[in-house]
């Protein structure tokens, strides 16, 4: 169980770092609007961003949400579970919107102002960064709880 969890947490951390890189790129585009957005970038975002979120959310569900060490150290009430599920759905919707806005911009089909585009992009990246921070904190708590358990078992 510990090795399986460690692998899931390691994969989750890797994917969270990848998401953080996407946030950097999306925020850079928002900072430099109006600007040209390469169609290849939009294809990469369309192909990679939402599937990345799906992988992250699955790993959160299997490696974080139901982890026994977390349940013991931080009891999660039912409403907290529902909040996390709702946040994931909202995050996915904001990612889809950001991808659409960028692709419309790159193809010249956008009728939004630079401010509206920047707002749509930051509506994804800012909450995503908060989510990344929260998940990394939970991963740290799980790793700490697992280490403490391991020490108690040895003694």
N, C-alpha and C. Protein backbone atom coordinates (compact mmCIF):
# COMPACT_ATOMS: atom_id res chain seq x y z
N UNK A 1 0.82 -1.20 0.00
CA UNK A 1 0.00 0.00 0.00
C UNK A 1 0.86 1.26 0.00
N UNK A 2 1.91 1.27 0.81
CA UNK A 2 2.75 2.46 0.89
C UNK A 2 3.43 2.71 -0.45
N UNK A 3 4.00 1.66 -1.08
CA UNK A 3 4.65 1.84 -2.37
C UNK A 3 3.66 2.29 -3.44
N UNK A 4 2.45 1.71 -3.42
CA UNK A 4 1.42 2.09 -4.38
C UNK A 4 1.03 3.55 -4.17
N UNK A 5 0.88 3.94 -2.92
CA UNK A 5 0.53 5.33 -2.61
C UNK A 5 1.64 6.26 -3.03
N UNK A 6 2.87 5.88 -2.73
CA UNK A 6 4.01 6.72 -3.08
C UNK A 6 4.06 6.95 -4.59
N UNK A 7 3.82 5.89 -5.36
CA UNK A 7 3.81 6.03 -6.82
C UNK A 7 2.71 6.96 -7.29
N UNK A 8 1.53 6.85 -6.69
CA UNK A 8 0.42 7.73 -7.04
C UNK A 8 0.70 9.17 -6.65
N UNK A 9 1.30 9.36 -5.47
CA UNK A 9 1.63 10.72 -5.04
C UNK A 9 2.74 11.31 -5.89
N UNK A 10 3.74 10.49 -6.25
CA UNK A 10 4.81 10.98 -7.13
C UNK A 10 4.25 11.38 -8.49
N UNK A 11 3.37 10.55 -9.04
CA UNK A 11 2.76 10.88 -10.34
C UNK A 11 1.92 12.15 -10.22
N UNK A 12 1.19 12.28 -9.12
CA UNK A 12 0.37 13.47 -8.91
C UNK A 12 1.25 14.71 -8.84
N UNK A 13 2.34 14.63 -8.12
CA UNK A 13 3.24 15.79 -8.03
C UNK A 13 3.81 16.16 -9.39
N UNK A 14 4.15 15.15 -10.19
CA UNK A 14 4.65 15.40 -11.54
C UNK A 14 3.61 16.11 -12.38
N UNK A 15 2.38 15.63 -12.33
CA UNK A 15 1.30 16.23 -13.11
C UNK A 15 0.97 17.64 -12.61
N UNK A 16 1.04 17.86 -11.31
CA UNK A 16 0.80 19.19 -10.76
C UNK A 16 1.86 20.17 -11.24
N UNK A 17 3.10 19.71 -11.35
CA UNK A 17 4.17 20.56 -11.89
C UNK A 17 3.91 20.90 -13.35
N UNK A 18 3.43 19.93 -14.10
CA UNK A 18 3.08 20.16 -15.50
C UNK A 18 1.94 21.19 -15.60
N UNK A 19 0.94 21.06 -14.74
CA UNK A 19 -0.17 22.01 -14.73
C UNK A 19 0.34 23.40 -14.36
N UNK A 20 1.25 23.48 -13.42
CA UNK A 20 1.83 24.76 -13.04
C UNK A 20 2.54 25.41 -14.23
N UNK A 21 3.22 24.61 -15.04
CA UNK A 21 3.88 25.14 -16.25
C UNK A 21 2.86 25.67 -17.24
N UNK A 22 1.74 24.95 -17.41
CA UNK A 22 0.68 25.44 -18.28
C UNK A 22 0.14 26.77 -17.75
N UNK A 23 -0.03 26.87 -16.44
CA UNK A 23 -0.50 28.13 -15.83
C UNK A 23 0.47 29.27 -16.12
N UNK A 24 1.78 28.99 -16.01
CA UNK A 24 2.79 30.02 -16.34
C UNK A 24 2.58 30.53 -17.76
N UNK A 25 2.42 29.60 -18.69
CA UNK A 25 2.26 29.97 -20.10
C UNK A 25 0.98 30.75 -20.33
N UNK A 26 -0.11 30.29 -19.76
CA UNK A 26 -1.41 30.95 -19.93
C UNK A 26 -1.36 32.36 -19.33
N UNK A 27 -0.72 32.51 -18.17
CA UNK A 27 -0.60 33.83 -17.56
C UNK A 27 0.31 34.74 -18.37
N UNK A 28 1.35 34.20 -18.97
CA UNK A 28 2.23 35.01 -19.82
C UNK A 28 1.45 35.55 -21.02
N UNK A 29 0.63 34.70 -21.60
CA UNK A 29 -0.20 35.15 -22.73
C UNK A 29 -1.13 36.27 -22.26
N UNK A 30 -1.78 36.07 -21.10
CA UNK A 30 -2.69 37.09 -20.57
C UNK A 30 -1.95 38.41 -20.31
N UNK A 31 -0.70 38.32 -19.84
CA UNK A 31 0.08 39.52 -19.53
C UNK A 31 0.45 40.31 -20.78
N UNK A 32 0.59 39.62 -21.91
CA UNK A 32 1.07 40.29 -23.12
C UNK A 32 0.00 40.52 -24.18
N UNK A 33 -1.26 40.44 -23.77
CA UNK A 33 -2.34 40.72 -24.71
C UNK A 33 -2.38 42.21 -25.04
N UNK A 34 -2.75 42.59 -26.21
CA UNK A 34 -3.07 41.69 -27.33
C UNK A 34 -1.78 41.16 -27.95
N UNK A 35 -1.78 39.90 -28.27
CA UNK A 35 -0.62 39.26 -28.87
C UNK A 35 -1.09 38.15 -29.81
N UNK A 36 -0.18 37.69 -30.62
CA UNK A 36 -0.49 36.56 -31.49
C UNK A 36 -0.27 35.28 -30.70
N UNK A 37 -1.21 34.36 -30.79
CA UNK A 37 -1.07 33.06 -30.14
C UNK A 37 -0.93 32.02 -31.24
N UNK A 38 0.15 31.30 -31.18
CA UNK A 38 0.47 30.29 -32.18
C UNK A 38 -0.58 29.18 -32.20
N UNK A 39 -0.98 28.78 -33.40
CA UNK A 39 -1.98 27.71 -33.53
C UNK A 39 -1.46 26.38 -32.96
N UNK A 40 -0.17 26.14 -33.07
CA UNK A 40 0.41 24.92 -32.50
C UNK A 40 0.24 24.87 -30.99
N UNK A 41 0.39 26.03 -30.35
CA UNK A 41 0.18 26.11 -28.92
C UNK A 41 -1.27 25.77 -28.58
N UNK A 42 -2.19 26.30 -29.36
CA UNK A 42 -3.61 26.00 -29.12
C UNK A 42 -3.91 24.51 -29.32
N UNK A 43 -3.29 23.91 -30.34
CA UNK A 43 -3.49 22.47 -30.53
C UNK A 43 -2.94 21.70 -29.33
N UNK A 44 -1.77 22.12 -28.84
CA UNK A 44 -1.18 21.45 -27.68
C UNK A 44 -2.07 21.63 -26.45
N UNK A 45 -2.58 22.84 -26.23
CA UNK A 45 -3.48 23.07 -25.11
C UNK A 45 -4.74 22.23 -25.24
N UNK A 46 -5.32 22.22 -26.43
CA UNK A 46 -6.54 21.45 -26.66
C UNK A 46 -6.30 19.97 -26.42
N UNK A 47 -5.17 19.50 -26.88
CA UNK A 47 -4.83 18.08 -26.76
C UNK A 47 -4.43 17.69 -25.34
N UNK A 48 -3.77 18.61 -24.60
CA UNK A 48 -3.11 18.21 -23.36
C UNK A 48 -3.74 18.73 -22.06
N UNK A 49 -4.28 19.94 -22.06
CA UNK A 49 -4.67 20.55 -20.78
C UNK A 49 -5.82 19.82 -20.08
N UNK A 50 -6.92 19.64 -20.76
CA UNK A 50 -8.06 18.99 -20.11
C UNK A 50 -7.74 17.53 -19.76
N UNK A 51 -7.12 16.76 -20.67
CA UNK A 51 -6.73 15.39 -20.27
C UNK A 51 -5.78 15.36 -19.06
N UNK A 52 -4.90 16.36 -18.97
CA UNK A 52 -4.01 16.46 -17.81
C UNK A 52 -4.83 16.65 -16.54
N UNK A 53 -5.83 17.53 -16.60
CA UNK A 53 -6.70 17.73 -15.43
C UNK A 53 -7.44 16.45 -15.07
N UNK A 54 -7.90 15.71 -16.05
CA UNK A 54 -8.60 14.45 -15.79
C UNK A 54 -7.67 13.49 -15.06
N UNK A 55 -6.40 13.38 -15.52
CA UNK A 55 -5.42 12.50 -14.85
C UNK A 55 -5.17 12.98 -13.41
N UNK A 56 -5.01 14.28 -13.24
CA UNK A 56 -4.78 14.83 -11.90
C UNK A 56 -5.95 14.51 -10.99
N UNK A 57 -7.14 14.74 -11.49
CA UNK A 57 -8.33 14.51 -10.65
C UNK A 57 -8.47 13.04 -10.28
N UNK A 58 -8.18 12.14 -11.21
CA UNK A 58 -8.23 10.70 -10.88
C UNK A 58 -7.21 10.34 -9.82
N UNK A 59 -6.00 10.87 -9.97
CA UNK A 59 -4.97 10.60 -8.97
C UNK A 59 -5.34 11.19 -7.61
N UNK A 60 -5.94 12.36 -7.60
CA UNK A 60 -6.39 12.94 -6.34
C UNK A 60 -7.42 12.03 -5.68
N UNK A 61 -8.34 11.53 -6.48
CA UNK A 61 -9.39 10.66 -5.93
C UNK A 61 -8.81 9.37 -5.37
N UNK A 62 -7.82 8.80 -6.04
CA UNK A 62 -7.28 7.51 -5.61
C UNK A 62 -6.13 7.64 -4.61
N UNK A 63 -5.31 8.68 -4.73
CA UNK A 63 -4.11 8.79 -3.89
C UNK A 63 -4.25 9.77 -2.73
N UNK A 64 -5.22 10.67 -2.81
CA UNK A 64 -5.35 11.68 -1.77
C UNK A 64 -6.68 11.56 -1.04
N UNK A 65 -7.78 11.68 -1.76
CA UNK A 65 -9.10 11.74 -1.12
C UNK A 65 -9.38 10.55 -0.22
N UNK A 66 -8.99 9.38 -0.64
CA UNK A 66 -9.33 8.17 0.12
C UNK A 66 -8.14 7.58 0.86
N UNK A 67 -7.12 8.38 1.04
CA UNK A 67 -5.93 7.85 1.70
C UNK A 67 -6.17 7.74 3.20
N UNK A 68 -5.94 6.55 3.77
CA UNK A 68 -6.21 6.33 5.19
C UNK A 68 -5.41 7.26 6.11
N UNK A 69 -4.17 7.55 5.75
CA UNK A 69 -3.34 8.42 6.61
C UNK A 69 -3.94 9.81 6.68
N UNK A 70 -4.48 10.28 5.58
CA UNK A 70 -5.10 11.60 5.57
C UNK A 70 -6.39 11.59 6.37
N UNK A 71 -7.15 10.52 6.24
CA UNK A 71 -8.42 10.43 6.97
C UNK A 71 -8.18 10.44 8.48
N UNK A 72 -7.09 9.85 8.91
CA UNK A 72 -6.80 9.82 10.34
C UNK A 72 -6.29 11.18 10.81
N UNK A 73 -5.42 11.81 10.02
CA UNK A 73 -4.82 13.07 10.46
C UNK A 73 -5.74 14.27 10.22
N UNK A 74 -6.54 14.21 9.18
CA UNK A 74 -7.42 15.33 8.86
C UNK A 74 -8.77 14.77 8.45
N UNK A 75 -9.68 14.59 9.41
CA UNK A 75 -10.98 14.04 9.05
C UNK A 75 -11.70 14.98 8.08
N UNK A 76 -12.18 14.42 6.97
CA UNK A 76 -12.85 15.22 5.95
C UNK A 76 -14.36 15.02 6.05
N UNK A 77 -15.06 16.06 6.44
CA UNK A 77 -16.52 15.93 6.48
C UNK A 77 -17.08 15.76 5.07
N UNK A 78 -18.28 15.27 5.00
CA UNK A 78 -18.95 15.00 3.72
C UNK A 78 -19.00 16.25 2.84
N UNK A 79 -19.26 17.42 3.43
CA UNK A 79 -19.34 18.64 2.62
C UNK A 79 -17.98 18.99 2.01
N UNK A 80 -16.89 18.62 2.67
CA UNK A 80 -15.56 18.86 2.11
C UNK A 80 -15.34 17.99 0.87
N UNK A 81 -15.78 16.74 0.93
CA UNK A 81 -15.69 15.86 -0.24
C UNK A 81 -16.47 16.45 -1.41
N UNK A 82 -17.67 16.92 -1.13
CA UNK A 82 -18.51 17.51 -2.18
C UNK A 82 -17.87 18.77 -2.75
N UNK A 83 -17.23 19.56 -1.88
CA UNK A 83 -16.55 20.77 -2.35
C UNK A 83 -15.42 20.41 -3.31
N UNK A 84 -14.66 19.38 -2.96
CA UNK A 84 -13.54 18.97 -3.82
C UNK A 84 -14.06 18.47 -5.17
N UNK A 85 -15.13 17.72 -5.18
CA UNK A 85 -15.73 17.24 -6.43
C UNK A 85 -16.21 18.42 -7.26
N UNK A 86 -16.90 19.34 -6.63
CA UNK A 86 -17.41 20.52 -7.32
C UNK A 86 -16.27 21.38 -7.87
N UNK A 87 -15.20 21.55 -7.09
CA UNK A 87 -14.04 22.32 -7.54
C UNK A 87 -13.42 21.69 -8.78
N UNK A 88 -13.35 20.37 -8.81
CA UNK A 88 -12.77 19.69 -9.97
C UNK A 88 -13.60 19.92 -11.22
N UNK A 89 -14.90 19.82 -11.08
CA UNK A 89 -15.77 20.05 -12.23
C UNK A 89 -15.65 21.50 -12.72
N UNK A 90 -15.61 22.42 -11.79
CA UNK A 90 -15.47 23.83 -12.15
C UNK A 90 -14.12 24.08 -12.82
N UNK A 91 -13.07 23.48 -12.30
CA UNK A 91 -11.74 23.65 -12.87
C UNK A 91 -11.70 23.14 -14.30
N UNK A 92 -12.32 21.99 -14.54
CA UNK A 92 -12.35 21.44 -15.89
C UNK A 92 -13.10 22.39 -16.84
N UNK A 93 -14.22 22.92 -16.39
CA UNK A 93 -14.98 23.85 -17.22
C UNK A 93 -14.18 25.11 -17.53
N UNK A 94 -13.46 25.64 -16.55
CA UNK A 94 -12.64 26.84 -16.77
C UNK A 94 -11.49 26.54 -17.73
N UNK A 95 -10.93 25.33 -17.64
CA UNK A 95 -9.86 24.94 -18.57
C UNK A 95 -10.39 24.87 -19.99
N UNK A 96 -11.56 24.27 -20.15
CA UNK A 96 -12.17 24.19 -21.49
C UNK A 96 -12.44 25.59 -22.04
N UNK A 97 -12.89 26.49 -21.20
CA UNK A 97 -13.15 27.87 -21.62
C UNK A 97 -11.85 28.56 -22.02
N UNK A 98 -10.79 28.41 -21.22
CA UNK A 98 -9.50 29.04 -21.53
C UNK A 98 -8.97 28.52 -22.87
N UNK A 99 -9.09 27.22 -23.10
CA UNK A 99 -8.63 26.64 -24.36
C UNK A 99 -9.41 27.24 -25.53
N UNK A 100 -10.72 27.33 -25.37
CA UNK A 100 -11.56 27.89 -26.45
C UNK A 100 -11.19 29.35 -26.72
N UNK A 101 -11.02 30.13 -25.67
CA UNK A 101 -10.67 31.54 -25.83
C UNK A 101 -9.34 31.68 -26.57
N UNK A 102 -8.35 30.88 -26.18
CA UNK A 102 -7.04 30.95 -26.84
C UNK A 102 -7.12 30.51 -28.30
N UNK A 103 -7.87 29.44 -28.55
CA UNK A 103 -7.98 28.95 -29.93
C UNK A 103 -8.73 29.95 -30.80
N UNK A 104 -9.76 30.58 -30.26
CA UNK A 104 -10.46 31.63 -31.01
C UNK A 104 -9.52 32.80 -31.29
N UNK A 105 -8.71 33.15 -30.31
CA UNK A 105 -7.74 34.23 -30.49
C UNK A 105 -6.73 33.89 -31.58
N UNK A 106 -6.20 32.67 -31.54
CA UNK A 106 -5.17 32.30 -32.52
C UNK A 106 -5.72 32.22 -33.93
N UNK A 107 -6.99 31.89 -34.07
CA UNK A 107 -7.58 31.76 -35.41
C UNK A 107 -8.20 33.07 -35.90
N UNK A 108 -8.18 34.10 -35.06
CA UNK A 108 -8.76 35.37 -35.46
C UNK A 108 -10.28 35.42 -35.31
N UNK A 109 -10.87 34.42 -34.66
CA UNK A 109 -12.33 34.39 -34.51
C UNK A 109 -12.82 35.03 -33.22
N UNK A 110 -11.92 35.52 -32.40
CA UNK A 110 -12.33 36.07 -31.11
C UNK A 110 -12.93 37.46 -31.29
N UNK A 111 -14.06 37.66 -30.64
CA UNK A 111 -14.67 38.98 -30.63
C UNK A 111 -14.58 39.59 -29.23
N UNK A 112 -13.73 39.00 -28.38
CA UNK A 112 -13.54 39.49 -27.02
C UNK A 112 -12.43 40.54 -26.99
N UNK A 113 -12.54 41.45 -26.06
CA UNK A 113 -11.47 42.43 -25.85
C UNK A 113 -10.28 41.73 -25.19
N UNK A 114 -9.12 42.39 -25.23
CA UNK A 114 -7.93 41.85 -24.57
C UNK A 114 -8.19 41.66 -23.08
N UNK A 115 -8.91 42.60 -22.47
CA UNK A 115 -9.22 42.47 -21.04
C UNK A 115 -10.11 41.26 -20.75
N UNK A 116 -11.10 41.03 -21.61
CA UNK A 116 -11.99 39.88 -21.42
C UNK A 116 -11.23 38.57 -21.61
N UNK A 117 -10.33 38.55 -22.58
CA UNK A 117 -9.52 37.34 -22.81
C UNK A 117 -8.63 37.09 -21.60
N UNK A 118 -7.96 38.14 -21.12
CA UNK A 118 -7.08 37.99 -19.95
C UNK A 118 -7.87 37.50 -18.75
N UNK A 119 -9.07 38.03 -18.56
CA UNK A 119 -9.92 37.62 -17.45
C UNK A 119 -10.26 36.12 -17.57
N UNK A 120 -10.63 35.69 -18.77
CA UNK A 120 -10.98 34.27 -18.98
C UNK A 120 -9.78 33.37 -18.71
N UNK A 121 -8.60 33.81 -19.12
CA UNK A 121 -7.40 32.99 -18.90
C UNK A 121 -7.03 32.93 -17.42
N UNK A 122 -7.12 34.06 -16.76
CA UNK A 122 -6.79 34.08 -15.32
C UNK A 122 -7.88 33.40 -14.48
N UNK A 123 -9.09 33.33 -15.03
CA UNK A 123 -10.16 32.61 -14.34
C UNK A 123 -9.85 31.12 -14.25
N UNK A 124 -8.98 30.66 -15.13
CA UNK A 124 -8.50 29.28 -15.01
C UNK A 124 -7.22 29.23 -14.18
N UNK A 125 -6.23 30.04 -14.52
CA UNK A 125 -4.90 29.87 -13.93
C UNK A 125 -4.84 30.20 -12.44
N UNK A 126 -5.53 31.22 -12.00
CA UNK A 126 -5.46 31.59 -10.57
C UNK A 126 -6.07 30.51 -9.67
N UNK A 127 -7.29 30.04 -9.94
CA UNK A 127 -7.82 28.93 -9.12
C UNK A 127 -6.99 27.65 -9.27
N UNK A 128 -6.45 27.42 -10.46
CA UNK A 128 -5.61 26.22 -10.66
C UNK A 128 -4.39 26.28 -9.77
N UNK A 129 -3.79 27.45 -9.65
CA UNK A 129 -2.63 27.60 -8.77
C UNK A 129 -3.00 27.36 -7.30
N UNK A 130 -4.16 27.85 -6.88
CA UNK A 130 -4.62 27.59 -5.50
C UNK A 130 -4.81 26.08 -5.29
N UNK A 131 -5.40 25.44 -6.31
CA UNK A 131 -5.63 23.99 -6.25
C UNK A 131 -4.30 23.24 -6.14
N UNK A 132 -3.34 23.63 -6.94
CA UNK A 132 -2.01 23.00 -6.90
C UNK A 132 -1.42 23.14 -5.50
N UNK A 133 -1.50 24.33 -4.93
CA UNK A 133 -0.95 24.57 -3.60
C UNK A 133 -1.64 23.68 -2.56
N UNK A 134 -2.97 23.60 -2.62
CA UNK A 134 -3.72 22.77 -1.67
C UNK A 134 -3.34 21.30 -1.80
N UNK A 135 -3.25 20.82 -3.04
CA UNK A 135 -2.92 19.41 -3.25
C UNK A 135 -1.51 19.11 -2.77
N UNK A 136 -0.58 19.99 -3.02
CA UNK A 136 0.79 19.77 -2.55
C UNK A 136 0.83 19.74 -1.02
N UNK A 137 0.02 20.57 -0.38
CA UNK A 137 -0.04 20.55 1.08
C UNK A 137 -0.60 19.22 1.56
N UNK A 138 -1.67 18.72 0.93
CA UNK A 138 -2.24 17.43 1.31
C UNK A 138 -1.24 16.29 1.08
N UNK A 139 -0.52 16.34 -0.03
CA UNK A 139 0.49 15.33 -0.31
C UNK A 139 1.54 15.32 0.80
N UNK A 140 1.95 16.51 1.22
CA UNK A 140 2.91 16.61 2.32
C UNK A 140 2.37 16.02 3.61
N UNK A 141 1.10 16.28 3.90
CA UNK A 141 0.48 15.72 5.11
C UNK A 141 0.40 14.20 5.04
N UNK A 142 0.08 13.69 3.87
CA UNK A 142 0.02 12.23 3.71
C UNK A 142 1.40 11.62 3.90
N UNK A 143 2.39 12.20 3.25
CA UNK A 143 3.76 11.67 3.37
C UNK A 143 4.22 11.71 4.83
N UNK A 144 3.89 12.78 5.53
CA UNK A 144 4.27 12.89 6.93
C UNK A 144 3.55 11.84 7.78
N UNK A 145 2.25 11.65 7.54
CA UNK A 145 1.49 10.65 8.30
C UNK A 145 2.01 9.25 8.03
N UNK A 146 2.35 8.96 6.78
CA UNK A 146 2.89 7.65 6.43
C UNK A 146 4.24 7.44 7.11
N UNK A 147 5.08 8.47 7.15
CA UNK A 147 6.39 8.36 7.80
C UNK A 147 6.23 8.12 9.30
N UNK A 148 5.30 8.83 9.92
CA UNK A 148 5.07 8.65 11.37
C UNK A 148 4.57 7.23 11.64
N UNK A 149 3.64 6.76 10.83
CA UNK A 149 3.15 5.38 10.99
C UNK A 149 4.27 4.38 10.85
N UNK A 150 5.11 4.60 9.87
CA UNK A 150 6.22 3.69 9.62
C UNK A 150 7.16 3.65 10.83
N UNK A 151 7.43 4.80 11.42
CA UNK A 151 8.28 4.84 12.62
C UNK A 151 7.63 4.10 13.78
N UNK A 152 6.32 4.27 13.95
CA UNK A 152 5.63 3.60 15.06
C UNK A 152 5.63 2.09 14.86
N UNK A 153 5.53 1.65 13.63
CA UNK A 153 5.54 0.20 13.36
C UNK A 153 6.90 -0.40 13.65
N UNK A 154 7.95 0.36 13.41
CA UNK A 154 9.31 -0.14 13.64
C UNK A 154 9.63 -0.23 15.13
N UNK A 155 9.00 0.64 15.91
CA UNK A 155 9.35 0.65 17.34
C UNK A 155 8.52 -0.29 18.16
